[in-house]
Amino acid sequence: MRPGAAEAEQFAAMGVRLAPELIADEEEGFEVMTGNWETVSAFLDCGGAWNAVFAPGAGIVRTGFDWAGVKAILDMTARAPAVLFPGLRIMEAAALAAFAEKR
């Protein structure tokens, strides 16, 4: 997820200038069904919990979530890991497929 204009202003206030191509257009949003919001929100919070390896010719390749890291994030944000686990697995698989398409 790229930072929007509001986040870019916050970075600027700290003296960090983001390149314009890194700032998301306001139209980049997406709709989430109410029943899926908690899973999508948890997935986005776990954005830094990916396992990755370096593959010659492909660069950095994500191989899936670091589930211990995901559980720690869910615990710190007072979410129920067992409830979110099935949806997070589905989103992980979809994200891995999308990452593979970009290679």
Protein backbone atom coordinates (compact mmCIF):
# COMPACT_ATOMS: atom_id res chain seq x y z
CA MET A 1 0.00 0.00 0.00
CA ARG A 2 1.39 3.38 -0.96
CA PRO A 3 1.04 6.43 1.26
CA GLY A 4 -1.60 8.95 0.27
CA ALA A 5 -1.43 12.74 0.25
CA ALA A 6 -2.10 12.97 4.01
CA GLU A 7 0.77 10.62 4.81
CA ALA A 8 3.04 12.48 2.38
CA GLU A 9 2.28 15.70 4.28
CA GLN A 10 3.17 13.98 7.56
CA PHE A 11 6.47 12.82 6.09
CA ALA A 12 7.14 16.34 4.80
CA ALA A 13 6.56 17.74 8.29
CA MET A 14 9.37 15.45 9.46
CA GLY A 15 11.62 16.67 6.66
CA VAL A 16 11.18 13.63 4.41
CA ARG A 17 10.12 14.31 0.83
CA LEU A 18 8.47 11.41 -0.99
CA ALA A 19 8.87 11.10 -4.74
CA PRO A 20 5.54 11.90 -6.43
CA GLU A 21 5.33 8.44 -8.03
CA LEU A 22 5.34 6.88 -4.54
CA ILE A 23 2.22 8.77 -3.43
CA ALA A 24 -1.07 6.97 -4.06
CA ASP A 25 -3.82 8.56 -6.08
CA GLU A 26 -7.00 9.04 -4.10
CA GLU A 27 -8.81 6.73 -6.55
CA GLU A 28 -6.63 3.77 -5.56
CA GLY A 29 -9.00 2.67 -2.82
CA PHE A 30 -10.93 -0.58 -2.85
CA GLU A 31 -14.23 -1.74 -1.44
CA VAL A 32 -14.31 -4.32 1.36
CA MET A 33 -17.45 -6.14 2.41
CA THR A 34 -18.30 -5.47 6.06
CA GLY A 35 -17.92 -9.13 7.03
CA ASN A 36 -14.38 -9.20 5.64
CA TRP A 37 -13.12 -5.92 7.09
CA GLU A 38 -11.46 -7.37 10.20
CA THR A 39 -9.49 -9.91 8.11
CA VAL A 40 -8.44 -7.31 5.52
CA SER A 41 -7.41 -4.90 8.26
CA ALA A 42 -5.36 -7.62 10.00
CA PHE A 43 -3.76 -8.61 6.67
CA LEU A 44 -2.67 -5.03 6.03
CA ASP A 45 -1.29 -4.75 9.57
CA CYS A 46 0.82 -7.86 8.91
CA GLY A 47 2.49 -6.34 5.84
CA GLY A 48 5.93 -6.56 7.46
CA ALA A 49 5.57 -10.21 8.48
CA TRP A 50 6.52 -11.85 5.18
CA ASN A 51 9.24 -14.45 4.83
CA ALA A 52 11.42 -13.63 1.85
CA VAL A 53 14.45 -15.10 0.13
CA PHE A 54 16.81 -13.82 -2.52
CA ALA A 55 16.58 -15.84 -5.74
CA PRO A 56 19.20 -15.19 -8.43
CA GLY A 57 17.48 -13.76 -11.47
CA ALA A 58 14.26 -13.06 -9.58
CA GLY A 59 15.47 -10.89 -6.71
CA ILE A 60 13.56 -10.89 -3.45
CA VAL A 61 10.80 -13.53 -3.47
CA ARG A 62 8.16 -13.65 -0.75
CA THR A 63 7.51 -17.23 0.35
CA GLY A 64 4.61 -16.71 2.74
CA PHE A 65 3.84 -15.18 6.08
CA ASP A 66 6.06 -15.60 9.11
CA TRP A 67 3.17 -16.95 11.17
CA ALA A 68 4.91 -16.37 14.51
CA GLY A 69 5.23 -12.72 13.49
CA VAL A 70 1.61 -12.62 12.37
CA LYS A 71 0.46 -14.05 15.72
CA ALA A 72 2.55 -11.46 17.58
CA ILE A 73 0.97 -8.65 15.53
CA LEU A 74 -2.53 -10.00 16.10
CA ASP A 75 -1.86 -10.38 19.83
CA MET A 76 -0.49 -6.82 20.05
CA THR A 77 -3.56 -5.47 18.28
CA ALA A 78 -5.96 -7.50 20.47
CA ARG A 79 -7.29 -9.63 17.61
CA ALA A 80 -8.28 -13.30 17.80
CA PRO A 81 -5.74 -15.24 15.68
CA ALA A 82 -7.85 -18.41 15.49
CA VAL A 83 -10.81 -16.48 14.09
CA LEU A 84 -8.74 -14.63 11.48
CA PHE A 85 -6.44 -17.50 10.47
CA PRO A 86 -8.61 -18.99 7.66
CA GLY A 87 -9.13 -15.62 5.98
CA LEU A 88 -5.48 -14.67 6.35
CA ARG A 89 -4.44 -17.96 4.69
CA ILE A 90 -6.71 -17.17 1.73
CA MET A 91 -5.33 -13.64 1.45
CA GLU A 92 -1.74 -14.91 1.78
CA ALA A 93 -2.27 -17.35 -1.11
CA ALA A 94 -3.83 -14.64 -3.28
CA ALA A 95 -1.00 -12.22 -2.49
CA LEU A 96 1.67 -14.84 -3.29
CA ALA A 97 -0.03 -15.46 -6.66
CA ALA A 98 -0.08 -11.70 -7.36
CA PHE A 99 3.59 -11.36 -6.36
CA ALA A 100 4.48 -14.25 -8.70
CA GLU A 101 2.69 -12.54 -11.61
CA LYS A 102 4.87 -9.44 -11.14
CA ARG A 103 8.11 -11.43 -11.50
